[in-house]
Amino acid sequence: MLRAMSPDPAAPSGASPLRWQRARFPELTPDALYAALQLRQLVFVVEQTCPFLDADGADARAWHLLGWTHDASGAPLLGAYARLFAPGDMYAEASIGRVVTHPSVRRSGLGRALMREALARVDALAPGAPVRIGAQRYLEHWYGTLGFVRDGAEYLEDGIPHVEMRRAERPIG
């Protein structure tokens, strides 16, 4: 399940390489599950001061994508995480959610690397299918650079402005 990531030519110099792990919920080790839940709570609940029920019942249907790196001391660190869904599991389209990077690695290119990997993995699940996300409104432009376009009105989720975005079907092959 783990593989070393080949250096990304678009990654900033000095960025730690990622080791990707993709697993279904029952395949996650206790340590990997703990790291994922801890990162999600650190950012979505504590950092964004948004008390909400992160354990939403969708984890069992998702593929979990974990990007492992190292902290400043060399200890393993879950630097990036996302949930991946096949078409019909969250929306009619394939989808990516709970996209998050650790605060200590922000502005290093790991968010873009995470989305590139997530899109590649979703494309393997559903070749050529469109992808839908529920993005925090302030990230709309950033997701736009990855090919997503707004697909609906702005809405509040847990007090945070969001927009649904869709990435069109891609040709297979």
N, C-alpha and C. Protein backbone atom coordinates (compact mmCIF):
# COMPACT_ATOMS: atom_id res chain seq x y z
N MET A 1 0.80 -1.20 0.00
CA MET A 1 0.00 0.00 0.00
C MET A 1 0.85 1.27 0.00
N LEU A 2 2.07 1.19 0.48
CA LEU A 2 2.91 2.37 0.52
C LEU A 2 3.83 2.36 -0.69
N ARG A 3 4.07 3.55 -1.20
CA ARG A 3 5.04 3.65 -2.28
C ARG A 3 5.74 4.98 -2.14
N ALA A 4 6.98 4.99 -2.52
CA ALA A 4 7.72 6.25 -2.49
C ALA A 4 7.28 7.08 -3.67
N MET A 5 7.13 8.34 -3.43
CA MET A 5 6.74 9.24 -4.50
C MET A 5 8.00 9.69 -5.22
N SER A 6 7.98 9.60 -6.54
CA SER A 6 9.12 10.12 -7.28
C SER A 6 9.09 11.64 -7.16
N PRO A 7 10.24 12.26 -7.17
CA PRO A 7 10.26 13.71 -7.00
C PRO A 7 9.36 14.40 -8.01
N ASP A 8 8.59 15.33 -7.52
CA ASP A 8 7.67 16.10 -8.36
C ASP A 8 8.45 17.31 -8.87
N PRO A 9 8.63 17.42 -10.19
CA PRO A 9 9.41 18.55 -10.71
C PRO A 9 8.76 19.90 -10.39
N ALA A 10 7.45 19.90 -10.09
CA ALA A 10 6.78 21.15 -9.76
C ALA A 10 6.86 21.47 -8.26
N ALA A 11 7.37 20.53 -7.47
CA ALA A 11 7.46 20.75 -6.02
C ALA A 11 8.58 21.73 -5.71
N PRO A 12 8.36 22.59 -4.72
CA PRO A 12 9.41 23.54 -4.34
C PRO A 12 10.65 22.79 -3.86
N SER A 13 11.82 23.37 -4.09
CA SER A 13 13.03 22.73 -3.61
C SER A 13 13.00 22.69 -2.09
N GLY A 14 13.50 21.62 -1.53
CA GLY A 14 13.51 21.47 -0.09
C GLY A 14 12.27 20.79 0.46
N ALA A 15 11.24 20.57 -0.36
CA ALA A 15 10.04 19.89 0.10
C ALA A 15 10.37 18.42 0.28
N SER A 16 9.92 17.84 1.40
CA SER A 16 10.14 16.43 1.65
C SER A 16 9.32 15.59 0.68
N PRO A 17 9.90 14.50 0.19
CA PRO A 17 9.11 13.61 -0.66
C PRO A 17 8.00 12.96 0.17
N LEU A 18 6.93 12.61 -0.50
CA LEU A 18 5.81 11.96 0.18
C LEU A 18 5.83 10.47 -0.09
N ARG A 19 5.34 9.74 0.85
CA ARG A 19 5.10 8.31 0.72
C ARG A 19 3.59 8.18 0.78
N TRP A 20 2.97 7.72 -0.30
CA TRP A 20 1.52 7.65 -0.38
C TRP A 20 1.01 6.32 0.14
N GLN A 21 -0.08 6.37 0.86
CA GLN A 21 -0.79 5.19 1.32
C GLN A 21 -2.25 5.38 0.95
N ARG A 22 -2.82 4.40 0.28
CA ARG A 22 -4.25 4.44 -0.03
C ARG A 22 -4.85 3.18 0.54
N ALA A 23 -5.90 3.33 1.35
CA ALA A 23 -6.48 2.17 2.02
C ALA A 23 -7.97 2.37 2.24
N ARG A 24 -8.70 1.27 2.24
CA ARG A 24 -10.09 1.29 2.67
C ARG A 24 -10.08 1.38 4.20
N PHE A 25 -11.19 1.77 4.77
CA PHE A 25 -11.27 1.98 6.21
C PHE A 25 -10.79 0.77 7.03
N PRO A 26 -11.26 -0.46 6.73
CA PRO A 26 -10.80 -1.60 7.55
C PRO A 26 -9.31 -1.91 7.41
N GLU A 27 -8.68 -1.42 6.34
CA GLU A 27 -7.26 -1.67 6.11
C GLU A 27 -6.35 -0.69 6.83
N LEU A 28 -6.90 0.41 7.34
CA LEU A 28 -6.07 1.39 8.04
C LEU A 28 -5.57 0.79 9.36
N THR A 29 -4.29 0.95 9.63
CA THR A 29 -3.77 0.51 10.92
C THR A 29 -4.28 1.49 11.99
N PRO A 30 -4.28 1.09 13.24
CA PRO A 30 -4.68 2.04 14.29
C PRO A 30 -3.85 3.33 14.26
N ASP A 31 -2.54 3.21 14.01
CA ASP A 31 -1.69 4.41 13.96
C ASP A 31 -2.06 5.32 12.79
N ALA A 32 -2.33 4.75 11.62
CA ALA A 32 -2.70 5.56 10.46
C ALA A 32 -4.07 6.21 10.68
N LEU A 33 -5.02 5.46 11.21
CA LEU A 33 -6.34 6.03 11.50
C LEU A 33 -6.24 7.15 12.52
N TYR A 34 -5.46 6.94 13.57
CA TYR A 34 -5.28 7.96 14.59
C TYR A 34 -4.67 9.23 13.98
N ALA A 35 -3.65 9.06 13.14
CA ALA A 35 -2.99 10.21 12.51
C ALA A 35 -3.97 10.97 11.62
N ALA A 36 -4.80 10.24 10.86
CA ALA A 36 -5.77 10.89 9.98
C ALA A 36 -6.80 11.66 10.79
N LEU A 37 -7.36 11.04 11.81
CA LEU A 37 -8.36 11.71 12.63
C LEU A 37 -7.76 12.89 13.38
N GLN A 38 -6.54 12.72 13.86
CA GLN A 38 -5.87 13.82 14.57
C GLN A 38 -5.64 15.01 13.64
N LEU A 39 -5.19 14.77 12.41
CA LEU A 39 -4.96 15.85 11.46
C LEU A 39 -6.27 16.54 11.09
N ARG A 40 -7.30 15.76 10.83
CA ARG A 40 -8.61 16.34 10.49
C ARG A 40 -9.13 17.21 11.63
N GLN A 41 -9.01 16.73 12.86
CA GLN A 41 -9.48 17.52 14.01
C GLN A 41 -8.62 18.76 14.23
N LEU A 42 -7.30 18.60 14.09
CA LEU A 42 -6.38 19.74 14.28
C LEU A 42 -6.77 20.90 13.36
N VAL A 43 -7.04 20.59 12.10
CA VAL A 43 -7.32 21.65 11.13
C VAL A 43 -8.79 22.04 11.12
N PHE A 44 -9.68 21.07 10.92
CA PHE A 44 -11.08 21.41 10.72
C PHE A 44 -11.81 21.83 11.99
N VAL A 45 -11.40 21.32 13.13
CA VAL A 45 -12.09 21.66 14.39
C VAL A 45 -11.33 22.73 15.16
N VAL A 46 -10.06 22.49 15.44
CA VAL A 46 -9.29 23.40 16.29
C VAL A 46 -8.85 24.66 15.52
N GLU A 47 -8.10 24.48 14.43
CA GLU A 47 -7.56 25.63 13.68
C GLU A 47 -8.67 26.50 13.12
N GLN A 48 -9.70 25.88 12.58
CA GLN A 48 -10.79 26.65 11.97
C GLN A 48 -11.90 26.98 12.98
N THR A 49 -11.66 26.66 14.25
CA THR A 49 -12.62 26.89 15.34
C THR A 49 -14.05 26.57 14.90
N CYS A 50 -14.21 25.34 14.45
CA CYS A 50 -15.50 24.90 13.92
C CYS A 50 -15.88 23.56 14.54
N PRO A 51 -16.55 23.60 15.68
CA PRO A 51 -16.97 22.32 16.26
C PRO A 51 -18.02 21.65 15.37
N PHE A 52 -17.70 20.48 14.86
CA PHE A 52 -18.63 19.72 14.04
C PHE A 52 -18.29 18.25 14.19
N LEU A 53 -19.21 17.39 13.80
CA LEU A 53 -19.00 15.96 13.91
C LEU A 53 -18.22 15.48 12.69
N ASP A 54 -16.92 15.35 12.84
CA ASP A 54 -16.05 14.90 11.75
C ASP A 54 -16.34 13.45 11.39
N ALA A 55 -16.64 12.63 12.37
CA ALA A 55 -16.97 11.22 12.13
C ALA A 55 -18.40 11.17 11.58
N ASP A 56 -18.51 11.39 10.27
CA ASP A 56 -19.81 11.58 9.62
C ASP A 56 -20.43 10.32 9.04
N GLY A 57 -19.81 9.17 9.27
CA GLY A 57 -20.35 7.92 8.74
C GLY A 57 -19.88 7.60 7.33
N ALA A 58 -19.17 8.51 6.68
CA ALA A 58 -18.74 8.28 5.30
C ALA A 58 -17.37 7.61 5.22
N ASP A 59 -16.64 7.55 6.31
CA ASP A 59 -15.29 6.96 6.27
C ASP A 59 -15.31 5.51 5.79
N ALA A 60 -16.33 4.76 6.14
CA ALA A 60 -16.40 3.35 5.76
C ALA A 60 -16.57 3.17 4.25
N ARG A 61 -17.13 4.17 3.56
CA ARG A 61 -17.32 4.09 2.11
C ARG A 61 -16.14 4.64 1.32
N ALA A 62 -15.25 5.32 1.99
CA ALA A 62 -14.16 6.05 1.33
C ALA A 62 -12.90 5.22 1.17
N TRP A 63 -12.11 5.63 0.18
CA TRP A 63 -10.71 5.28 0.12
C TRP A 63 -9.99 6.41 0.86
N HIS A 64 -9.03 6.11 1.68
CA HIS A 64 -8.29 7.11 2.44
C HIS A 64 -6.91 7.25 1.83
N LEU A 65 -6.57 8.47 1.48
CA LEU A 65 -5.27 8.76 0.86
C LEU A 65 -4.45 9.54 1.87
N LEU A 66 -3.34 8.95 2.29
CA LEU A 66 -2.47 9.55 3.29
C LEU A 66 -1.11 9.81 2.68
N GLY A 67 -0.61 11.02 2.84
CA GLY A 67 0.71 11.40 2.35
C GLY A 67 1.65 11.59 3.53
N TRP A 68 2.55 10.65 3.69
CA TRP A 68 3.49 10.66 4.83
C TRP A 68 4.76 11.39 4.45
N THR A 69 5.24 12.20 5.37
CA THR A 69 6.51 12.90 5.22
C THR A 69 7.19 12.86 6.58
N HIS A 70 8.06 13.80 6.85
CA HIS A 70 8.76 13.85 8.14
C HIS A 70 8.69 15.26 8.70
N ASP A 71 8.64 15.35 10.03
CA ASP A 71 8.67 16.68 10.65
C ASP A 71 10.12 17.15 10.74
N ALA A 72 10.33 18.31 11.34
CA ALA A 72 11.67 18.92 11.41
C ALA A 72 12.68 18.03 12.12
N SER A 73 12.20 17.17 13.04
CA SER A 73 13.11 16.29 13.77
C SER A 73 13.35 14.96 13.05
N GLY A 74 12.66 14.76 11.92
CA GLY A 74 12.81 13.51 11.18
C GLY A 74 11.78 12.46 11.52
N ALA A 75 10.88 12.75 12.45
CA ALA A 75 9.84 11.80 12.83
C ALA A 75 8.76 11.75 11.74
N PRO A 76 8.13 10.59 11.54
CA PRO A 76 7.06 10.49 10.54
C PRO A 76 5.93 11.47 10.85
N LEU A 77 5.39 12.07 9.80
CA LEU A 77 4.32 13.05 9.94
C LEU A 77 3.31 12.84 8.82
N LEU A 78 2.05 12.78 9.18
CA LEU A 78 1.01 12.76 8.16
C LEU A 78 0.87 14.19 7.66
N GLY A 79 1.43 14.46 6.51
CA GLY A 79 1.46 15.82 5.97
C GLY A 79 0.26 16.16 5.13
N ALA A 80 -0.39 15.13 4.55
CA ALA A 80 -1.51 15.38 3.64
C ALA A 80 -2.49 14.22 3.72
N TYR A 81 -3.77 14.55 3.55
CA TYR A 81 -4.81 13.53 3.67
C TYR A 81 -6.03 13.94 2.85
N ALA A 82 -6.72 12.95 2.28
CA ALA A 82 -8.00 13.19 1.61
C ALA A 82 -8.79 11.89 1.59
N ARG A 83 -10.11 12.04 1.48
CA ARG A 83 -10.99 10.89 1.26
C ARG A 83 -11.40 10.88 -0.20
N LEU A 84 -11.43 9.69 -0.78
CA LEU A 84 -11.79 9.51 -2.18
C LEU A 84 -13.04 8.64 -2.26
N PHE A 85 -13.98 9.03 -3.13
CA PHE A 85 -15.23 8.28 -3.27
C PHE A 85 -15.48 7.95 -4.73
N ALA A 86 -15.90 6.73 -4.97
CA ALA A 86 -16.32 6.31 -6.31
C ALA A 86 -17.66 6.97 -6.62
N PRO A 87 -18.01 7.05 -7.89
CA PRO A 87 -19.32 7.62 -8.24
C PRO A 87 -20.44 6.90 -7.48
N GLY A 88 -21.36 7.71 -6.95
CA GLY A 88 -22.50 7.16 -6.22
C GLY A 88 -22.28 6.99 -4.74
N ASP A 89 -21.04 7.07 -4.26
CA ASP A 89 -20.78 6.88 -2.83
C ASP A 89 -20.98 8.15 -2.01
N MET A 90 -20.81 9.30 -2.63
CA MET A 90 -21.04 10.58 -1.94
C MET A 90 -21.94 11.46 -2.80
N TYR A 91 -21.58 11.59 -4.06
CA TYR A 91 -22.36 12.31 -5.07
C TYR A 91 -22.56 11.35 -6.25
N ALA A 92 -23.31 11.79 -7.24
CA ALA A 92 -23.45 10.97 -8.45
C ALA A 92 -22.08 10.80 -9.13
N GLU A 93 -21.26 11.86 -9.06
CA GLU A 93 -19.91 11.82 -9.62
C GLU A 93 -18.94 11.22 -8.59
N ALA A 94 -17.74 10.92 -9.05
CA ALA A 94 -16.67 10.60 -8.11
C ALA A 94 -16.42 11.85 -7.28
N SER A 95 -15.81 11.70 -6.11
CA SER A 95 -15.57 12.90 -5.31
C SER A 95 -14.35 12.74 -4.41
N ILE A 96 -13.87 13.90 -3.99
CA ILE A 96 -12.72 14.00 -3.09
C ILE A 96 -13.16 14.92 -1.96
N GLY A 97 -12.85 14.53 -0.73
CA GLY A 97 -13.24 15.36 0.41
C GLY A 97 -12.23 15.28 1.53
N ARG A 98 -12.49 16.08 2.58
CA ARG A 98 -11.61 16.17 3.74
C ARG A 98 -10.16 16.40 3.32
N VAL A 99 -9.98 17.23 2.31
CA VAL A 99 -8.65 17.56 1.80
C VAL A 99 -7.96 18.44 2.83
N VAL A 100 -6.80 17.99 3.31
CA VAL A 100 -6.15 18.72 4.40
C VAL A 100 -4.64 18.49 4.36
N THR A 101 -3.90 19.54 4.71
CA THR A 101 -2.45 19.42 4.91
C THR A 101 -2.12 19.88 6.32
N HIS A 102 -1.07 19.32 6.85
CA HIS A 102 -0.63 19.68 8.19
C HIS A 102 -0.13 21.13 8.19
N PRO A 103 -0.49 21.90 9.22
CA PRO A 103 -0.05 23.30 9.26
C PRO A 103 1.47 23.48 9.11
N SER A 104 2.25 22.54 9.57
CA SER A 104 3.71 22.69 9.52
C SER A 104 4.28 22.54 8.11
N VAL A 105 3.49 22.04 7.16
CA VAL A 105 4.00 21.84 5.80
C VAL A 105 3.29 22.71 4.77
N ARG A 106 2.50 23.64 5.23
CA ARG A 106 1.77 24.51 4.30
C ARG A 106 2.76 25.35 3.50
N ARG A 107 2.35 25.72 2.31
CA ARG A 107 3.14 26.53 1.38
C ARG A 107 4.39 25.79 0.88
N SER A 108 4.35 24.45 0.98
CA SER A 108 5.48 23.65 0.49
C SER A 108 5.14 22.91 -0.79
N GLY A 109 3.90 23.04 -1.26
CA GLY A 109 3.47 22.31 -2.44
C GLY A 109 2.77 21.00 -2.14
N LEU A 110 2.66 20.63 -0.86
CA LEU A 110 2.04 19.34 -0.54
C LEU A 110 0.54 19.32 -0.84
N GLY A 111 -0.14 20.45 -0.73
CA GLY A 111 -1.56 20.49 -1.06
C GLY A 111 -1.80 20.18 -2.53
N ARG A 112 -1.01 20.78 -3.39
CA ARG A 112 -1.13 20.52 -4.83
C ARG A 112 -0.73 19.07 -5.13
N ALA A 113 0.33 18.58 -4.49
CA ALA A 113 0.73 17.18 -4.69
C ALA A 113 -0.38 16.24 -4.23
N LEU A 114 -1.02 16.57 -3.12
CA LEU A 114 -2.13 15.76 -2.61
C LEU A 114 -3.27 15.71 -3.64
N MET A 115 -3.66 16.86 -4.17
CA MET A 115 -4.76 16.88 -5.13
C MET A 115 -4.39 16.17 -6.43
N ARG A 116 -3.16 16.30 -6.87
CA ARG A 116 -2.73 15.58 -8.08
C ARG A 116 -2.84 14.07 -7.86
N GLU A 117 -2.36 13.63 -6.71
CA GLU A 117 -2.42 12.19 -6.39
C GLU A 117 -3.87 11.75 -6.23
N ALA A 118 -4.67 12.55 -5.54
CA ALA A 118 -6.09 12.21 -5.34
C ALA A 118 -6.82 12.11 -6.69
N LEU A 119 -6.58 13.05 -7.58
CA LEU A 119 -7.22 13.01 -8.89
C LEU A 119 -6.77 11.78 -9.68
N ALA A 120 -5.50 11.43 -9.60
CA ALA A 120 -5.01 10.23 -10.29
C ALA A 120 -5.65 8.98 -9.72
N ARG A 121 -5.78 8.93 -8.39
CA ARG A 121 -6.40 7.75 -7.76
C ARG A 121 -7.89 7.66 -8.06
N VAL A 122 -8.58 8.80 -8.09
CA VAL A 122 -10.01 8.81 -8.44
C VAL A 122 -10.17 8.38 -9.89
N ASP A 123 -9.28 8.84 -10.75
CA ASP A 123 -9.35 8.46 -12.15
C ASP A 123 -9.14 6.95 -12.32
N ALA A 124 -8.33 6.35 -11.46
CA ALA A 124 -8.16 4.89 -11.51
C ALA A 124 -9.43 4.18 -11.04
N LEU A 125 -10.15 4.77 -10.09
CA LEU A 125 -11.41 4.18 -9.62
C LEU A 125 -12.51 4.31 -10.66
N ALA A 126 -12.57 5.45 -11.33
CA ALA A 126 -13.63 5.75 -12.28
C ALA A 126 -13.02 6.48 -13.47
N PRO A 127 -12.38 5.75 -14.39
CA PRO A 127 -11.67 6.39 -15.49
C PRO A 127 -12.53 7.37 -16.28
N GLY A 128 -12.02 8.59 -16.41
CA GLY A 128 -12.68 9.62 -17.20
C GLY A 128 -13.89 10.27 -16.55
N ALA A 129 -14.31 9.81 -15.39
CA ALA A 129 -15.53 10.34 -14.76
C ALA A 129 -15.29 11.76 -14.23
N PRO A 130 -16.35 12.57 -14.18
CA PRO A 130 -16.23 13.88 -13.55
C PRO A 130 -16.03 13.73 -12.05
N VAL A 131 -15.49 14.76 -11.42
CA VAL A 131 -15.22 14.74 -9.98
C VAL A 131 -15.92 15.96 -9.35
N ARG A 132 -16.63 15.74 -8.26
CA ARG A 132 -17.32 16.81 -7.53
C ARG A 132 -16.69 16.96 -6.16
N ILE A 133 -16.55 18.23 -5.73
CA ILE A 133 -16.05 18.53 -4.39
C ILE A 133 -16.94 19.60 -3.76
N GLY A 134 -16.96 19.64 -2.45
CA GLY A 134 -17.55 20.74 -1.70
C GLY A 134 -16.39 21.53 -1.12
N ALA A 135 -16.05 22.64 -1.74
CA ALA A 135 -14.85 23.39 -1.38
C ALA A 135 -15.17 24.57 -0.48
N GLN A 136 -14.28 24.85 0.46
CA GLN A 136 -14.43 26.08 1.22
C GLN A 136 -14.27 27.23 0.23
N ARG A 137 -15.14 28.21 0.34
CA ARG A 137 -15.24 29.30 -0.64
C ARG A 137 -13.90 30.00 -0.89
N TYR A 138 -13.10 30.19 0.18
CA TYR A 138 -11.84 30.91 -0.02
C TYR A 138 -10.84 30.13 -0.86
N LEU A 139 -11.09 28.84 -1.09
CA LEU A 139 -10.20 28.02 -1.91
C LEU A 139 -10.71 27.82 -3.34
N GLU A 140 -11.78 28.50 -3.71
CA GLU A 140 -12.37 28.33 -5.03
C GLU A 140 -11.35 28.59 -6.15
N HIS A 141 -10.61 29.66 -6.06
CA HIS A 141 -9.61 29.96 -7.10
C HIS A 141 -8.54 28.87 -7.16
N TRP A 142 -8.06 28.44 -6.00
CA TRP A 142 -7.01 27.41 -5.95
C TRP A 142 -7.49 26.12 -6.63
N TYR A 143 -8.71 25.67 -6.30
CA TYR A 143 -9.25 24.48 -6.96
C TYR A 143 -9.45 24.74 -8.45
N GLY A 144 -9.76 25.98 -8.82
CA GLY A 144 -9.89 26.33 -10.23
C GLY A 144 -8.61 26.07 -11.00
N THR A 145 -7.45 26.26 -10.35
CA THR A 145 -6.18 25.99 -11.02
C THR A 145 -5.97 24.51 -11.27
N LEU A 146 -6.79 23.67 -10.65
CA LEU A 146 -6.73 22.22 -10.84
C LEU A 146 -7.83 21.73 -11.78
N GLY A 147 -8.53 22.66 -12.42
CA GLY A 147 -9.54 22.29 -13.39
C GLY A 147 -10.96 22.24 -12.87
N PHE A 148 -11.20 22.64 -11.63
CA PHE A 148 -12.55 22.63 -11.07
C PHE A 148 -13.24 23.96 -11.37
N VAL A 149 -14.54 23.90 -11.60
CA VAL A 149 -15.35 25.10 -11.79
C VAL A 149 -16.53 25.04 -10.84
N ARG A 150 -16.97 26.22 -10.42
CA ARG A 150 -18.12 26.30 -9.51
C ARG A 150 -19.34 25.66 -10.19
N ASP A 151 -20.10 24.93 -9.40
CA ASP A 151 -21.28 24.25 -9.92
C ASP A 151 -22.41 24.37 -8.90
N GLY A 152 -22.83 25.59 -8.66
CA GLY A 152 -23.92 25.82 -7.71
C GLY A 152 -23.68 27.07 -6.90
N ALA A 153 -24.69 27.40 -6.12
CA ALA A 153 -24.64 28.60 -5.29
C ALA A 153 -23.79 28.36 -4.04
N GLU A 154 -23.30 29.45 -3.48
CA GLU A 154 -22.57 29.38 -2.21
C GLU A 154 -23.53 28.91 -1.12
N TYR A 155 -23.02 28.12 -0.18
CA TYR A 155 -23.83 27.65 0.94
C TYR A 155 -22.97 27.61 2.19
N LEU A 156 -23.61 27.58 3.34
CA LEU A 156 -22.89 27.47 4.61
C LEU A 156 -22.88 26.02 5.06
N GLU A 157 -21.71 25.56 5.43
CA GLU A 157 -21.57 24.23 6.04
C GLU A 157 -20.80 24.43 7.34
N ASP A 158 -21.45 24.14 8.45
CA ASP A 158 -20.83 24.33 9.77
C ASP A 158 -20.34 25.77 9.94
N GLY A 159 -21.09 26.72 9.39
CA GLY A 159 -20.77 28.14 9.54
C GLY A 159 -19.69 28.65 8.61
N ILE A 160 -19.20 27.81 7.70
CA ILE A 160 -18.13 28.20 6.78
C ILE A 160 -18.70 28.23 5.36
N PRO A 161 -18.49 29.35 4.62
CA PRO A 161 -18.97 29.41 3.24
C PRO A 161 -18.28 28.35 2.37
N HIS A 162 -19.09 27.62 1.61
CA HIS A 162 -18.62 26.57 0.70
C HIS A 162 -19.26 26.77 -0.67
N VAL A 163 -18.66 26.15 -1.66
CA VAL A 163 -19.25 26.05 -3.00
C VAL A 163 -19.00 24.64 -3.52
N GLU A 164 -19.99 24.12 -4.24
CA GLU A 164 -19.75 22.86 -4.93
C GLU A 164 -18.99 23.18 -6.20
N MET A 165 -18.04 22.32 -6.51
CA MET A 165 -17.23 22.50 -7.72
C MET A 165 -17.17 21.16 -8.44
N ARG A 166 -16.99 21.24 -9.74
CA ARG A 166 -16.97 20.03 -10.56
C ARG A 166 -15.81 20.12 -11.54
N ARG A 167 -15.15 19.00 -11.69
CA ARG A 167 -14.10 18.87 -12.70
C ARG A 167 -14.66 17.98 -13.78
N ALA A 168 -14.67 18.45 -15.00
CA ALA A 168 -15.33 17.76 -16.11
C ALA A 168 -14.68 16.43 -16.39
N GLU A 169 -15.44 15.63 -17.12
CA GLU A 169 -14.93 14.33 -17.56
C GLU A 169 -13.66 14.52 -18.36
N ARG A 170 -12.78 13.56 -18.22
CA ARG A 170 -11.54 13.58 -18.98
C ARG A 170 -11.55 12.43 -19.96
N PRO A 171 -10.97 12.61 -21.12
CA PRO A 171 -10.93 11.50 -22.08
C PRO A 171 -10.14 10.34 -21.50
N ILE A 172 -10.60 9.15 -21.76
CA ILE A 172 -9.89 7.94 -21.31
C ILE A 172 -8.81 7.63 -22.33
N GLY A 173 -7.62 7.31 -21.81
CA GLY A 173 -6.55 6.89 -22.72
C GLY A 173 -5.50 7.85 -22.96
